[in-house]
C-alpha atoms as a PDB file:
ATOM      1  CA  MET A   1      -5.042  -2.566  10.918  1.00  0.00           C
ATOM      2  CA  LYS A   2      -7.821  -3.678  13.018  1.00  0.00           C
ATOM      3  CA  LEU A   3      -7.865  -7.101  14.751  1.00  0.00           C
ATOM      4  CA  ILE A   4      -9.985  -8.812  17.031  1.00  0.00           C
ATOM      5  CA  PHE A   5      -8.861 -11.874  19.699  1.00  0.00           C
ATOM      6  CA  ASP A   6     -12.177 -13.323  21.140  1.00  0.00           C
ATOM      7  CA  GLN A   7     -11.566 -14.610  24.832  1.00  0.00           C
ATOM      8  CA  PRO A   8      -7.027 -14.735  24.780  1.00  0.00           C
ATOM      9  CA  SER A   9      -5.540 -17.473  26.491  1.00  0.00           C
ATOM     10  CA  GLY A  10      -3.788 -14.594  28.714  1.00  0.00           C
ATOM     11  CA  SER A  11      -3.891 -10.578  29.409  1.00  0.00           C
ATOM     12  CA  PRO A  12      -2.938  -8.256  26.496  1.00  0.00           C
ATOM     13  CA  LEU A  13       0.156  -6.258  28.476  1.00  0.00           C
ATOM     14  CA  ASN A  14       1.894 -10.145  28.663  1.00  0.00           C
ATOM     15  CA  ILE A  15       0.969 -11.185  25.094  1.00  0.00           C
ATOM     16  CA  MET A  16       2.165  -7.738  23.561  1.00  0.00           C
ATOM     17  CA  ARG A  17       5.490  -8.306  25.559  1.00  0.00           C
ATOM     18  CA  ARG A  18       6.304 -12.008  24.203  1.00  0.00           C
ATOM     19  CA  ALA A  19       5.738 -10.175  20.635  1.00  0.00           C
ATOM     20  CA  GLY A  20       8.503  -7.691  21.710  1.00  0.00           C
ATOM     21  CA  TYR A  21       6.036  -4.663  22.269  1.00  0.00           C
ATOM     22  CA  SER A  22       6.856  -2.086  25.374  1.00  0.00           C
ATOM     23  CA  PHE A  23       4.162  -0.862  27.428  1.00  0.00           C
ATOM     24  CA  GLN A  24       3.893   2.598  27.226  1.00  0.00           C
ATOM     25  CA  ARG A  25       0.189   3.913  28.744  1.00  0.00           C
ATOM     26  CA  LYS A  26      -3.142   3.101  29.906  1.00  0.00           C
ATOM     27  CA  ASP A  27      -6.324   5.344  29.324  1.00  0.00           C
ATOM     28  CA  ASP A  28      -7.604   5.748  32.129  1.00  0.00           C
ATOM     29  CA  ARG A  29     -10.375   6.649  31.265  1.00  0.00           C
ATOM     30  CA  THR A  30     -10.981   4.608  28.282  1.00  0.00           C
ATOM     31  CA  GLY A  31      -9.076   1.605  29.333  1.00  0.00           C
ATOM     32  CA  GLU A  32      -6.689   1.449  25.762  1.00  0.00           C
ATOM     33  CA  MET A  33      -3.265   0.226  26.467  1.00  0.00           C
ATOM     34  CA  SER A  34      -0.456   1.952  24.043  1.00  0.00           C
ATOM     35  CA  PHE A  35       2.465  -0.294  23.155  1.00  0.00           C
ATOM     36  CA  VAL A  36       5.507   0.373  20.153  1.00  0.00           C
ATOM     37  CA  LYS A  37       8.610  -2.031  19.002  1.00  0.00           C
ATOM     38  CA  ARG A  38      11.001  -1.120  17.193  1.00  0.00           C
ATOM     39  CA  ALA A  39      11.817  -1.598  13.776  1.00  0.00           C
ATOM     40  CA  GLY A  40      15.258  -0.386  13.276  1.00  0.00           C
ATOM     41  CA  SER A  41      17.849   0.729  15.359  1.00  0.00           C
ATOM     42  CA  GLY A  42      16.395   4.101  16.192  1.00  0.00           C
ATOM     43  CA  ASP A  43      12.921   5.327  17.527  1.00  0.00           C
ATOM     44  CA  TYR A  44      11.383   5.566  14.261  1.00  0.00           C
ATOM     45  CA  PRO A  45      10.287   3.522  12.022  1.00  0.00           C
ATOM     46  CA  ARG A  46       8.002   1.620  14.875  1.00  0.00           C
ATOM     47  CA  PHE A  47       4.922  -0.304  15.605  1.00  0.00           C
ATOM     48  CA  HIS A  48       2.404   1.184  17.400  1.00  0.00           C
ATOM     49  CA  VAL A  49      -0.457  -0.571  18.927  1.00  0.00           C
ATOM     50  CA  TYR A  50      -3.634  -0.083  21.100  1.00  0.00           C
ATOM     51  CA  ALA A  51      -5.025  -2.542  22.727  1.00  0.00           C
ATOM     52  CA  LYS A  52      -8.839  -2.067  24.512  1.00  0.00           C
ATOM     53  CA  THR A  53     -10.509  -5.180  26.390  1.00  0.00           C
ATOM     54  CA  SER A  54     -13.678  -5.192  25.873  1.00  0.00           C
ATOM     55  CA  PRO A  55     -16.624  -6.050  28.977  1.00  0.00           C
ATOM     56  CA  LYS A  56     -17.110  -9.475  27.419  1.00  0.00           C
ATOM     57  CA  GLY A  57     -13.563 -10.252  27.210  1.00  0.00           C
ATOM     58  CA  SER A  58     -12.747  -9.838  23.729  1.00  0.00           C
ATOM     59  CA  VAL A  59      -9.367  -7.232  22.856  1.00  0.00           C
ATOM     60  CA  GLU A  60      -9.231  -5.073  19.702  1.00  0.00           C
ATOM     61  CA  ILE A  61      -5.770  -4.516  18.679  1.00  0.00           C
ATOM     62  CA  SER A  62      -5.210  -0.916  16.176  1.00  0.00           C
ATOM     63  CA  LEU A  63      -1.780  -1.733  14.421  1.00  0.00           C
ATOM     64  CA  HIS A  64      -0.164   1.038  12.628  1.00  0.00           C
ATOM     65  CA  LEU A  65       3.491   1.915  11.426  1.00  0.00           C
ATOM     66  CA  ASP A  66       4.659   5.304  12.821  1.00  0.00           C
ATOM     67  CA  GLN A  67       7.619   6.306   9.995  1.00  0.00           C
ATOM     68  CA  LYS A  68       8.108   9.628  12.004  1.00  0.00           C
ATOM     69  CA  LYS A  69       7.607  11.334  15.409  1.00  0.00           C
ATOM     70  CA  ALA A  70       5.118  13.733  15.195  1.00  0.00           C
ATOM     71  CA  SER A  71       6.233  16.907  12.909  1.00  0.00           C
ATOM     72  CA  TYR A  72       4.310  20.231  14.930  1.00  0.00           C
ATOM     73  CA  GLU A  73       4.682  20.941  18.436  1.00  0.00           C
ATOM     74  CA  GLY A  74       1.566  19.657  20.309  1.00  0.00           C
ATOM     75  CA  THR A  75       0.335  17.511  17.496  1.00  0.00           C
ATOM     76  CA  THR A  76      -0.016  13.583  17.375  1.00  0.00           C
ATOM     77  CA  ALA A  77      -0.109  13.488  13.728  1.00  0.00           C
ATOM     78  CA  HIS A  78       2.742  11.788  12.351  1.00  0.00           C
ATOM     79  CA  SER A  79       3.117   9.449   9.290  1.00  0.00           C
ATOM     80  CA  GLY A  80       1.917   6.443   9.587  1.00  0.00           C
ATOM     81  CA  GLU A  81       0.453   3.421   7.457  1.00  0.00           C
ATOM     82  CA  TYR A  82      -2.524   1.751   8.526  1.00  0.00           C
ATOM     83  CA  GLU A  83      -3.196  -0.758   5.711  1.00  0.00           C
ATOM     84  CA  GLU A  84      -2.003  -2.173   2.597  1.00  0.00           C
ATOM     85  CA  ASN A  85       1.862  -2.341   3.981  1.00  0.00           C
ATOM     86  CA  LYS A  86       3.718  -5.568   3.828  1.00  0.00           C
ATOM     87  CA  TRP A  87       5.359  -4.319   7.234  1.00  0.00           C
ATOM     88  CA  VAL A  88       2.446  -3.649   8.874  1.00  0.00           C
ATOM     89  CA  GLU A  89       0.372  -6.768   7.770  1.00  0.00           C
ATOM     90  CA  ARG A  90       3.475  -8.935   8.277  1.00  0.00           C
ATOM     91  CA  GLU A  91       3.875  -7.736  12.118  1.00  0.00           C
ATOM     92  CA  ALA A  92       0.369  -8.617  12.346  1.00  0.00           C
ATOM     93  CA  GLU A  93       0.813 -12.246  11.601  1.00  0.00           C
ATOM     94  CA  ILE A  94       3.474 -11.750  14.638  1.00  0.00           C
ATOM     95  CA  ILE A  95       0.695 -10.490  16.868  1.00  0.00           C
ATOM     96  CA  LYS A  96      -1.898 -13.038  15.632  1.00  0.00           C
ATOM     97  CA  LYS A  97       0.819 -16.133  16.272  1.00  0.00           C
ATOM     98  CA  GLU A  98       1.345 -14.697  20.366  1.00  0.00           C
ATOM     99  CA  PHE A  99      -2.448 -14.204  20.677  1.00  0.00           C
ATOM    100  CA  SER A 100      -3.097 -17.761  19.812  1.00  0.00           C
ATOM    101  CA  GLN A 101      -0.556 -19.604  21.902  1.00  0.00           C
END
């Protein structure tokens, strides 16, 4: 699920932390940041967010739900849910609320 926020009042790092996400890494080439938030007591399922700030200051969020760890060594493929899922939609509302503060 894609979300776009024009001119947020804080940094994506701080906003995502307020929403309960842990920072994973930043891609030095693209500037994209990766965040995760557990949806249960184990490592999976978990919400996974990629956030990227545009040169004009807007922030694009890509949100999905990772159901399990990658199945094959050396791959990043996993059972992710991106759209039309009540859990992803509910989590999107939480993120929207944090970005609107």
